C-alpha atoms as a PDB file:
ATOM      1  CA  MET A   1      54.156 157.655  68.976  1.00  0.00           C
ATOM      2  CA  LYS A   2      53.329 154.526  71.014  1.00  0.00           C
ATOM      3  CA  GLY A   3      55.946 152.977  73.232  1.00  0.00           C
ATOM      4  CA  PRO A   4      57.177 149.654  73.412  1.00  0.00           C
ATOM      5  CA  ILE A   5      54.805 146.909  74.649  1.00  0.00           C
ATOM      6  CA  ARG A   6      55.201 146.165  78.105  1.00  0.00           C
ATOM      7  CA  PHE A   7      53.971 143.041  79.873  1.00  0.00           C
ATOM      8  CA  LYS A   8      52.702 142.451  83.597  1.00  0.00           C
ATOM      9  CA  ILE A   9      54.850 140.351  85.819  1.00  0.00           C
ATOM     10  CA  ALA A  10      52.574 137.204  85.574  1.00  0.00           C
ATOM     11  CA  GLU A  11      52.793 137.433  81.650  1.00  0.00           C
ATOM     12  CA  ALA A  12      56.477 137.953  81.659  1.00  0.00           C
ATOM     13  CA  ALA A  13      56.904 134.852  83.793  1.00  0.00           C
ATOM     14  CA  ARG A  14      54.819 132.635  81.168  1.00  0.00           C
ATOM     15  CA  MET A  15      56.454 134.068  78.740  1.00  0.00           C
ATOM     16  CA  ALA A  16      59.931 132.989  79.961  1.00  0.00           C
ATOM     17  CA  GLY A  17      58.608 129.699  81.141  1.00  0.00           C
ATOM     18  CA  VAL A  18      59.354 130.580  85.078  1.00  0.00           C
ATOM     19  CA  SER A  19      57.084 131.511  87.877  1.00  0.00           C
ATOM     20  CA  ALA A  20      56.499 135.104  89.039  1.00  0.00           C
ATOM     21  CA  SER A  21      58.034 134.456  92.588  1.00  0.00           C
ATOM     22  CA  THR A  22      61.255 133.397  90.183  1.00  0.00           C
ATOM     23  CA  LEU A  23      61.150 136.846  88.613  1.00  0.00           C
ATOM     24  CA  ARG A  24      61.315 138.894  91.691  1.00  0.00           C
ATOM     25  CA  LEU A  25      64.341 136.373  93.392  1.00  0.00           C
ATOM     26  CA  TRP A  26      66.219 137.045  89.974  1.00  0.00           C
ATOM     27  CA  GLU A  27      65.272 140.957  90.492  1.00  0.00           C
ATOM     28  CA  SER A  28      66.277 140.697  94.173  1.00  0.00           C
ATOM     29  CA  GLN A  29      69.856 138.774  92.788  1.00  0.00           C
ATOM     30  CA  GLY A  30      70.338 141.788  90.115  1.00  0.00           C
ATOM     31  CA  LEU A  31      70.140 139.818  87.278  1.00  0.00           C
ATOM     32  CA  ILE A  32      66.981 141.434  85.771  1.00  0.00           C
ATOM     33  CA  GLU A  33      65.788 145.340  86.341  1.00  0.00           C
ATOM     34  CA  PRO A  34      61.986 145.828  85.274  1.00  0.00           C
ATOM     35  CA  VAL A  35      60.397 149.085  84.405  1.00  0.00           C
ATOM     36  CA  ARG A  36      58.679 150.598  87.444  1.00  0.00           C
ATOM     37  CA  THR A  37      55.514 152.692  87.434  1.00  0.00           C
ATOM     38  CA  GLU A  38      54.989 155.345  89.846  1.00  0.00           C
ATOM     39  CA  SER A  39      52.867 153.101  91.907  1.00  0.00           C
ATOM     40  CA  GLY A  40      55.726 150.409  92.074  1.00  0.00           C
ATOM     41  CA  GLN A  41      54.009 147.990  89.485  1.00  0.00           C
ATOM     42  CA  ARG A  42      56.632 145.736  88.046  1.00  0.00           C
ATOM     43  CA  LEU A  43      56.540 145.874  83.716  1.00  0.00           C
ATOM     44  CA  TYR A  44      58.395 144.012  81.164  1.00  0.00           C
ATOM     45  CA  GLU A  45      59.541 144.814  77.796  1.00  0.00           C
ATOM     46  CA  GLN A  46      60.516 142.396  74.917  1.00  0.00           C
ATOM     47  CA  SER A  47      64.030 143.001  76.024  1.00  0.00           C
ATOM     48  CA  HIS A  48      63.302 141.777  79.269  1.00  0.00           C
ATOM     49  CA  ILE A  49      61.729 138.659  78.027  1.00  0.00           C
ATOM     50  CA  GLU A  50      65.078 137.972  76.123  1.00  0.00           C
ATOM     51  CA  GLN A  51      67.309 138.661  78.953  1.00  0.00           C
ATOM     52  CA  LEU A  52      64.884 136.493  81.353  1.00  0.00           C
ATOM     53  CA  LYS A  53      65.141 133.576  78.601  1.00  0.00           C
ATOM     54  CA  GLU A  54      69.060 133.831  79.224  1.00  0.00           C
ATOM     55  CA  ILE A  55      69.176 133.929  82.528  1.00  0.00           C
ATOM     56  CA  SER A  56      67.038 130.620  82.376  1.00  0.00           C
ATOM     57  CA  TRP A  57      69.577 128.676  80.488  1.00  0.00           C
ATOM     58  CA  LEU A  58      72.383 129.794  82.491  1.00  0.00           C
ATOM     59  CA  ARG A  59      70.650 128.936  85.531  1.00  0.00           C
ATOM     60  CA  ASN A  60      69.133 125.646  84.675  1.00  0.00           C
ATOM     61  CA  GLY A  61      71.157 124.785  81.607  1.00  0.00           C
ATOM     62  CA  LYS A  62      74.645 125.390  82.949  1.00  0.00           C
ATOM     63  CA  GLY A  63      73.918 125.382  86.476  1.00  0.00           C
ATOM     64  CA  LEU A  64      75.732 128.830  86.856  1.00  0.00           C
ATOM     65  CA  ASN A  65      74.774 130.800  90.351  1.00  0.00           C
ATOM     66  CA  PRO A  66      73.804 134.660  90.164  1.00  0.00           C
ATOM     67  CA  ALA A  67      77.390 136.114  90.288  1.00  0.00           C
ATOM     68  CA  ALA A  68      78.501 133.618  87.097  1.00  0.00           C
ATOM     69  CA  ILE A  69      75.073 134.731  85.392  1.00  0.00           C
ATOM     70  CA  ARG A  70      75.628 138.167  85.883  1.00  0.00           C
ATOM     71  CA  GLU A  71      79.207 137.518  84.391  1.00  0.00           C
ATOM     72  CA  GLY A  72      77.729 135.961  81.564  1.00  0.00           C
ATOM     73  CA  LEU A  73      75.281 138.257  80.814  1.00  0.00           C
ATOM     74  CA  GLY A  74      77.503 141.282  80.625  1.00  0.00           C
ATOM     75  CA  ARG A  75      80.229 138.967  78.307  1.00  0.00           C
ATOM     76  CA  GLU A  76      77.457 137.578  75.810  1.00  0.00           C
ATOM     77  CA  GLN A  77      75.204 140.588  75.281  1.00  0.00           C
ATOM     78  CA  PRO A  78      78.074 142.715  73.168  1.00  0.00           C
ATOM     79  CA  ARG A  79      78.704 139.785  71.248  1.00  0.00           C
ATOM     80  CA  ARG A  80      75.496 139.049  70.277  1.00  0.00           C
ATOM     81  CA  ALA A  81      74.828 142.701  69.283  1.00  0.00           C
ATOM     82  CA  GLN A  82      77.746 142.556  66.663  1.00  0.00           C
ATOM     83  CA  THR A  83      76.847 139.018  64.956  1.00  0.00           C
ATOM     84  CA  LYS A  84      72.919 138.519  65.186  1.00  0.00           C
ATOM     85  CA  PRO A  85      71.798 139.966  61.795  1.00  0.00           C
ATOM     86  CA  ARG A  86      69.092 142.843  62.529  1.00  0.00           C
ATOM     87  CA  ALA A  87      65.572 141.548  61.438  1.00  0.00           C
ATOM     88  CA  LYS A  88      63.177 144.292  60.165  1.00  0.00           C
ATOM     89  CA  SER A  89      60.573 145.456  62.473  1.00  0.00           C
ATOM     90  CA  GLN A  90      57.254 143.973  62.096  1.00  0.00           C
ATOM     91  CA  PRO A  91      53.784 144.782  62.874  1.00  0.00           C
ATOM     92  CA  ASN A  92      53.247 141.558  64.462  1.00  0.00           C
ATOM     93  CA  SER A  93      51.144 142.933  66.799  1.00  0.00           C
ATOM     94  CA  ASP A  94      48.307 143.149  64.175  1.00  0.00           C
ATOM     95  CA  ILE A  95      48.025 139.577  63.794  1.00  0.00           C
ATOM     96  CA  GLY A  96      46.542 139.389  67.364  1.00  0.00           C
ATOM     97  CA  ARG A  97      44.230 142.051  66.762  1.00  0.00           C
ATOM     98  CA  LYS A  98      43.284 140.447  63.401  1.00  0.00           C
ATOM     99  CA  LEU A  99      42.774 137.094  65.117  1.00  0.00           C
ATOM    100  CA  ARG A 100      40.740 139.238  67.534  1.00  0.00           C
ATOM    101  CA  TYR A 101      38.417 140.454  64.859  1.00  0.00           C
ATOM    102  CA  LEU A 102      38.249 136.934  63.264  1.00  0.00           C
ATOM    103  CA  ARG A 103      36.911 135.677  66.558  1.00  0.00           C
ATOM    104  CA  ARG A 104      34.329 138.405  66.885  1.00  0.00           C
ATOM    105  CA  GLU A 105      33.238 137.899  63.562  1.00  0.00           C
ATOM    106  CA  ALA A 106      32.656 134.493  64.154  1.00  0.00           C
ATOM    107  CA  GLY A 107      30.517 135.243  67.118  1.00  0.00           C
ATOM    108  CA  LYS A 108      32.871 133.448  69.618  1.00  0.00           C
ATOM    109  CA  THR A 109      34.135 134.359  72.947  1.00  0.00           C
ATOM    110  CA  LEU A 110      37.460 133.608  74.590  1.00  0.00           C
ATOM    111  CA  GLU A 111      36.215 131.027  76.308  1.00  0.00           C
ATOM    112  CA  LYS A 112      34.701 129.484  73.182  1.00  0.00           C
ATOM    113  CA  VAL A 113      38.244 129.421  71.712  1.00  0.00           C
ATOM    114  CA  SER A 114      39.313 128.184  74.381  1.00  0.00           C
ATOM    115  CA  LEU A 115      37.590 124.982  74.546  1.00  0.00           C
ATOM    116  CA  GLU A 116      37.740 124.499  71.112  1.00  0.00           C
ATOM    117  CA  THR A 117      42.005 124.551  71.417  1.00  0.00           C
ATOM    118  CA  GLY A 118      42.601 124.128  74.789  1.00  0.00           C
ATOM    119  CA  ILE A 119      44.890 127.085  75.196  1.00  0.00           C
ATOM    120  CA  PRO A 120      43.848 129.003  78.676  1.00  0.00           C
ATOM    121  CA  VAL A 121      41.689 132.386  78.234  1.00  0.00           C
ATOM    122  CA  SER A 122      44.403 134.390  79.726  1.00  0.00           C
ATOM    123  CA  MET A 123      46.864 133.214  76.869  1.00  0.00           C
ATOM    124  CA  LEU A 124      44.605 133.805  74.387  1.00  0.00           C
ATOM    125  CA  SER A 125      43.860 137.440  75.885  1.00  0.00           C
ATOM    126  CA  THR A 126      47.367 138.186  75.951  1.00  0.00           C
ATOM    127  CA  PHE A 127      47.961 137.110  72.406  1.00  0.00           C
ATOM    128  CA  GLU A 128      45.280 139.161  71.200  1.00  0.00           C
ATOM    129  CA  ARG A 129      46.858 142.011  73.053  1.00  0.00           C
ATOM    130  CA  THR A 130      50.153 141.704  71.785  1.00  0.00           C
ATOM    131  CA  SER A 131      50.858 138.660  69.590  1.00  0.00           C
ATOM    132  CA  GLN A 132      52.770 137.074  71.842  1.00  0.00           C
ATOM    133  CA  GLY A 133      53.291 134.476  74.621  1.00  0.00           C
ATOM    134  CA  LEU A 134      51.878 131.040  72.904  1.00  0.00           C
ATOM    135  CA  SER A 135      53.556 127.913  72.177  1.00  0.00           C
ATOM    136  CA  PHE A 136      54.478 127.259  68.527  1.00  0.00           C
ATOM    137  CA  LYS A 137      52.017 124.458  68.842  1.00  0.00           C
ATOM    138  CA  ALA A 138      49.480 126.519  70.414  1.00  0.00           C
ATOM    139  CA  LEU A 139      49.875 129.240  67.989  1.00  0.00           C
ATOM    140  CA  HIS A 140      49.449 126.582  64.959  1.00  0.00           C
ATOM    141  CA  GLU A 141      45.831 125.236  66.346  1.00  0.00           C
ATOM    142  CA  LEU A 142      44.860 129.055  67.026  1.00  0.00           C
ATOM    143  CA  VAL A 143      45.220 129.975  63.354  1.00  0.00           C
ATOM    144  CA  ALA A 144      43.901 126.686  62.093  1.00  0.00           C
ATOM    145  CA  SER A 145      40.884 127.241  64.325  1.00  0.00           C
ATOM    146  CA  PHE A 146      39.793 130.266  62.242  1.00  0.00           C
ATOM    147  CA  GLY A 147      40.762 128.675  58.695  1.00  0.00           C
ATOM    148  CA  THR A 148      43.464 131.021  57.894  1.00  0.00           C
ATOM    149  CA  THR A 149      47.426 130.905  58.092  1.00  0.00           C
ATOM    150  CA  LEU A 150      49.906 133.039  59.680  1.00  0.00           C
ATOM    151  CA  ALA A 151      51.451 134.129  56.073  1.00  0.00           C
ATOM    152  CA  VAL A 152      47.819 135.695  55.460  1.00  0.00           C
ATOM    153  CA  LEU A 153      47.656 137.206  58.515  1.00  0.00           C
ATOM    154  CA  SER A 154      51.105 138.525  58.366  1.00  0.00           C
ATOM    155  CA  GLY A 155      50.716 139.773  54.945  1.00  0.00           C
ATOM    156  CA  GLN A 156      53.353 137.195  53.819  1.00  0.00           C
ATOM    157  CA  GLU A 157      50.717 136.074  50.952  1.00  0.00           C
ATOM    158  CA  ASP A 158      50.335 139.757  49.635  1.00  0.00           C
ATOM    159  CA  ARG A 159      52.875 139.669  46.876  1.00  0.00           C
ATOM    160  CA  HIS A 160      52.177 138.300  43.813  1.00  0.00           C
ATOM    161  CA  ALA A 161      54.012 135.081  43.427  1.00  0.00           C
ATOM    162  CA  GLY A 162      57.070 134.769  41.469  1.00  0.00           C
ATOM    163  CA  GLU A 163      60.647 136.577  42.153  1.00  0.00           C
ATOM    164  CA  SER A 164      61.211 137.218  46.072  1.00  0.00           C
ATOM    165  CA  LEU A 165      64.564 138.801  46.916  1.00  0.00           C
ATOM    166  CA  ILE A 166      65.222 138.957  50.365  1.00  0.00           C
ATOM    167  CA  ARG A 167      68.956 140.206  51.578  1.00  0.00           C
ATOM    168  CA  ASN A 168      70.650 138.682  54.441  1.00  0.00           C
ATOM    169  CA  GLY A 169      69.367 139.985  57.865  1.00  0.00           C
ATOM    170  CA  ALA A 170      66.514 141.875  56.323  1.00  0.00           C
ATOM    171  CA  TRP A 171      64.186 138.873  56.985  1.00  0.00           C
ATOM    172  CA  SER A 172      60.522 139.411  58.405  1.00  0.00           C
ATOM    173  CA  ASN A 173      59.351 137.462  61.322  1.00  0.00           C
ATOM    174  CA  TRP A 174      56.349 135.666  62.704  1.00  0.00           C
ATOM    175  CA  PRO A 175      55.109 136.183  66.320  1.00  0.00           C
ATOM    176  CA  ALA A 176      58.180 135.038  68.804  1.00  0.00           C
ATOM    177  CA  THR A 177      56.612 132.005  70.896  1.00  0.00           C
ATOM    178  CA  SER A 178      56.707 131.415  74.448  1.00  0.00           C
ATOM    179  CA  SER A 179      59.447 129.087  73.952  1.00  0.00           C
ATOM    180  CA  GLY A 180      61.956 131.128  72.299  1.00  0.00           C
ATOM    181  CA  VAL A 181      61.156 129.947  68.748  1.00  0.00           C
ATOM    182  CA  ALA A 182      61.648 132.756  66.072  1.00  0.00           C
ATOM    183  CA  VAL A 183      60.675 132.458  62.348  1.00  0.00           C
ATOM    184  CA  GLN A 184      61.994 134.632  60.323  1.00  0.00           C
ATOM    185  CA  ILE A 185      60.395 134.427  56.361  1.00  0.00           C
ATOM    186  CA  LEU A 186      62.958 133.839  53.347  1.00  0.00           C
ATOM    187  CA  SER A 187      60.293 134.235  50.460  1.00  0.00           C
ATOM    188  CA  GLU A 188      57.304 136.486  50.458  1.00  0.00           C
ATOM    189  CA  GLY A 189      54.151 135.926  47.875  1.00  0.00           C
ATOM    190  CA  LYS A 190      51.517 133.263  47.449  1.00  0.00           C
ATOM    191  CA  ASN A 191      53.939 130.593  46.439  1.00  0.00           C
ATOM    192  CA  GLN A 192      53.691 126.843  46.584  1.00  0.00           C
ATOM    193  CA  MET A 193      56.521 126.658  49.104  1.00  0.00           C
ATOM    194  CA  GLU A 194      56.712 128.616  52.538  1.00  0.00           C
ATOM    195  CA  CYS A 195      60.271 129.137  53.193  1.00  0.00           C
ATOM    196  CA  HIS A 196      61.695 129.988  56.735  1.00  0.00           C
ATOM    197  CA  ARG A 197      64.905 130.347  58.530  1.00  0.00           C
ATOM    198  CA  PHE A 198      64.066 128.970  62.231  1.00  0.00           C
ATOM    199  CA  VAL A 199      66.383 129.995  65.218  1.00  0.00           C
ATOM    200  CA  LEU A 200      65.746 128.215  68.429  1.00  0.00           C
ATOM    201  CA  ALA A 201      66.721 129.252  71.555  1.00  0.00           C
ATOM    202  CA  PRO A 202      68.228 126.917  74.165  1.00  0.00           C
ATOM    203  CA  GLY A 203      65.263 124.849  75.324  1.00  0.00           C
ATOM    204  CA  ALA A 204      63.053 125.946  72.502  1.00  0.00           C
ATOM    205  CA  SER A 205      60.549 123.332  71.458  1.00  0.00           C
ATOM    206  CA  SER A 206      57.090 123.199  69.351  1.00  0.00           C
ATOM    207  CA  GLU A 207      55.605 122.246  73.179  1.00  0.00           C
ATOM    208  CA  GLY A 208      53.568 119.627  71.733  1.00  0.00           C
ATOM    209  CA  ALA A 209      52.939 117.684  68.582  1.00  0.00           C
ATOM    210  CA  TYR A 210      50.877 119.007  65.644  1.00  0.00           C
ATOM    211  CA  GLN A 211      49.797 117.817  62.084  1.00  0.00           C
ATOM    212  CA  HIS A 212      48.580 119.428  58.783  1.00  0.00           C
ATOM    213  CA  GLU A 213      48.519 118.811  55.326  1.00  0.00           C
ATOM    214  CA  GLY A 214      51.733 119.086  52.942  1.00  0.00           C
ATOM    215  CA  GLU A 215      55.221 118.023  53.174  1.00  0.00           C
ATOM    216  CA  GLU A 216      57.967 119.261  54.891  1.00  0.00           C
ATOM    217  CA  PHE A 217      62.132 119.795  54.628  1.00  0.00           C
ATOM    218  CA  LEU A 218      64.552 121.074  57.122  1.00  0.00           C
ATOM    219  CA  HIS A 219      68.278 121.478  57.011  1.00  0.00           C
ATOM    220  CA  VAL A 220      70.574 122.238  60.105  1.00  0.00           C
ATOM    221  CA  LEU A 221      72.763 125.283  59.782  1.00  0.00           C
ATOM    222  CA  ALA A 222      73.834 125.122  63.296  1.00  0.00           C
ATOM    223  CA  GLY A 223      73.106 123.239  66.566  1.00  0.00           C
ATOM    224  CA  ALA A 224      70.995 120.101  66.566  1.00  0.00           C
ATOM    225  CA  ILE A 225      67.644 119.354  66.722  1.00  0.00           C
ATOM    226  CA  GLU A 226      65.307 116.266  67.793  1.00  0.00           C
ATOM    227  CA  ILE A 227      62.184 115.367  65.479  1.00  0.00           C
ATOM    228  CA  ILE A 228      59.629 112.753  66.793  1.00  0.00           C
ATOM    229  CA  LEU A 229      57.252 111.202  64.478  1.00  0.00           C
ATOM    230  CA  ASP A 230      54.490 109.599  65.210  1.00  0.00           C
ATOM    231  CA  GLY A 231      55.007 109.746  69.342  1.00  0.00           C
ATOM    232  CA  ASP A 232      57.507 107.141  69.213  1.00  0.00           C
ATOM    233  CA  GLN A 233      59.981 107.756  66.310  1.00  0.00           C
ATOM    234  CA  PHE A 234      62.844 109.595  67.182  1.00  0.00           C
ATOM    235  CA  PHE A 235      65.503 111.557  64.885  1.00  0.00           C
ATOM    236  CA  GLU A 236      68.739 113.609  65.843  1.00  0.00           C
ATOM    237  CA  LEU A 237      69.880 115.762  63.364  1.00  0.00           C
ATOM    238  CA  GLY A 238      73.192 117.728  63.511  1.00  0.00           C
ATOM    239  CA  VAL A 239      75.036 120.491  61.463  1.00  0.00           C
ATOM    240  CA  GLY A 240      74.535 119.716  57.799  1.00  0.00           C
ATOM    241  CA  ASP A 241      71.480 116.885  57.962  1.00  0.00           C
ATOM    242  CA  SER A 242      68.664 117.066  56.233  1.00  0.00           C
ATOM    243  CA  PHE A 243      65.234 115.657  57.002  1.00  0.00           C
ATOM    244  CA  TYR A 244      62.161 114.990  54.857  1.00  0.00           C
ATOM    245  CA  PHE A 245      58.454 113.900  56.004  1.00  0.00           C
ATOM    246  CA  GLU A 246      55.008 114.265  55.379  1.00  0.00           C
ATOM    247  CA  SER A 247      53.126 116.780  57.411  1.00  0.00           C
ATOM    248  CA  LYS A 248      50.453 114.720  58.277  1.00  0.00           C
ATOM    249  CA  ARG A 249      52.034 112.878  60.490  1.00  0.00           C
ATOM    250  CA  PRO A 250      51.873 113.995  64.227  1.00  0.00           C
ATOM    251  CA  HIS A 251      55.603 115.713  64.629  1.00  0.00           C
ATOM    252  CA  SER A 252      56.882 117.428  67.247  1.00  0.00           C
ATOM    253  CA  TRP A 253      60.467 119.047  67.925  1.00  0.00           C
ATOM    254  CA  ARG A 254      62.937 120.621  70.138  1.00  0.00           C
ATOM    255  CA  ASN A 255      66.271 122.287  70.335  1.00  0.00           C
ATOM    256  CA  SER A 256      68.774 119.558  71.928  1.00  0.00           C
ATOM    257  CA  PHE A 257      71.773 121.742  71.540  1.00  0.00           C
ATOM    258  CA  ALA A 258      73.183 123.499  74.228  1.00  0.00           C
ATOM    259  CA  GLY A 259      73.155 126.573  72.348  1.00  0.00           C
ATOM    260  CA  GLU A 260      71.123 128.270  69.702  1.00  0.00           C
ATOM    261  CA  THR A 261      70.284 125.904  66.898  1.00  0.00           C
ATOM    262  CA  VAL A 262      69.450 127.574  63.334  1.00  0.00           C
ATOM    263  CA  LEU A 263      67.353 125.740  60.440  1.00  0.00           C
ATOM    264  CA  ILE A 264      66.224 126.126  56.956  1.00  0.00           C
ATOM    265  CA  TRP A 265      62.704 124.928  57.011  1.00  0.00           C
ATOM    266  CA  ILE A 266      60.326 124.530  53.964  1.00  0.00           C
ATOM    267  CA  ASN A 267      56.729 123.301  53.966  1.00  0.00           C
ATOM    268  CA  THR A 268      54.844 122.691  50.778  1.00  0.00           C
ATOM    269  CA  PRO A 269      52.171 123.348  50.331  1.00  0.00           C
ATOM    270  CA  PRO A 270      52.002 126.723  52.527  1.00  0.00           C
ATOM    271  CA  THR A 271      49.573 125.430  55.430  1.00  0.00           C
ATOM    272  CA  PHE A 272      51.025 127.209  58.583  1.00  0.00           C
END
């Protein structure tokens, strides 16, 4: 049986949006305890990555000192375990492997894909191995460069169109992004609409503008989000607000709330 995926310190730092030296500092302050190999190498599991993002938010978003952060982590972790729905486990490590297969079938090197997409080779290599570590924008551009979609790669379209019943908390997930964007699938099958539940961690964003064919609708369930269209039109949405726009317009977004933001996001046709 395979154990959990583990990341080296440079990969973990990149996924958490901080430097490797910051991770070492936080470890010395008792905020994080990575796995240690017999040789002393630090390794980080997905649970560590989530904790690192939480530490970053408490440090930079709230300005807490290490003692307050330790207290905050101890207070908030149990609450989250009780209230956060558990999404079913997914073989999303296969998405990176499938993209590696497509890359090799196309006769492309990592360097070639890097030139085409602007994504550093190191990030592409990490994603092919773990299906993690890319921003939302980079993930979109990488998938589009191979003429496919995440819905296809994740098996979301394997079912026939028609009825799709997914119970509360039993959502499948797209790969988590480097900035804390969780995308949960609300309908399965090759349908005319892609229906998702977005959960944005504090500070999470698309990390740049992107565009594609189709139309989009979103509705804010909790928190707040800022949408930027065409690079110069700003829209601030709060709880209960809805927004509709054409996907071909360059668009970017970020969680503008101090905590977690949750959205219903629909794309038609399914182009992501």
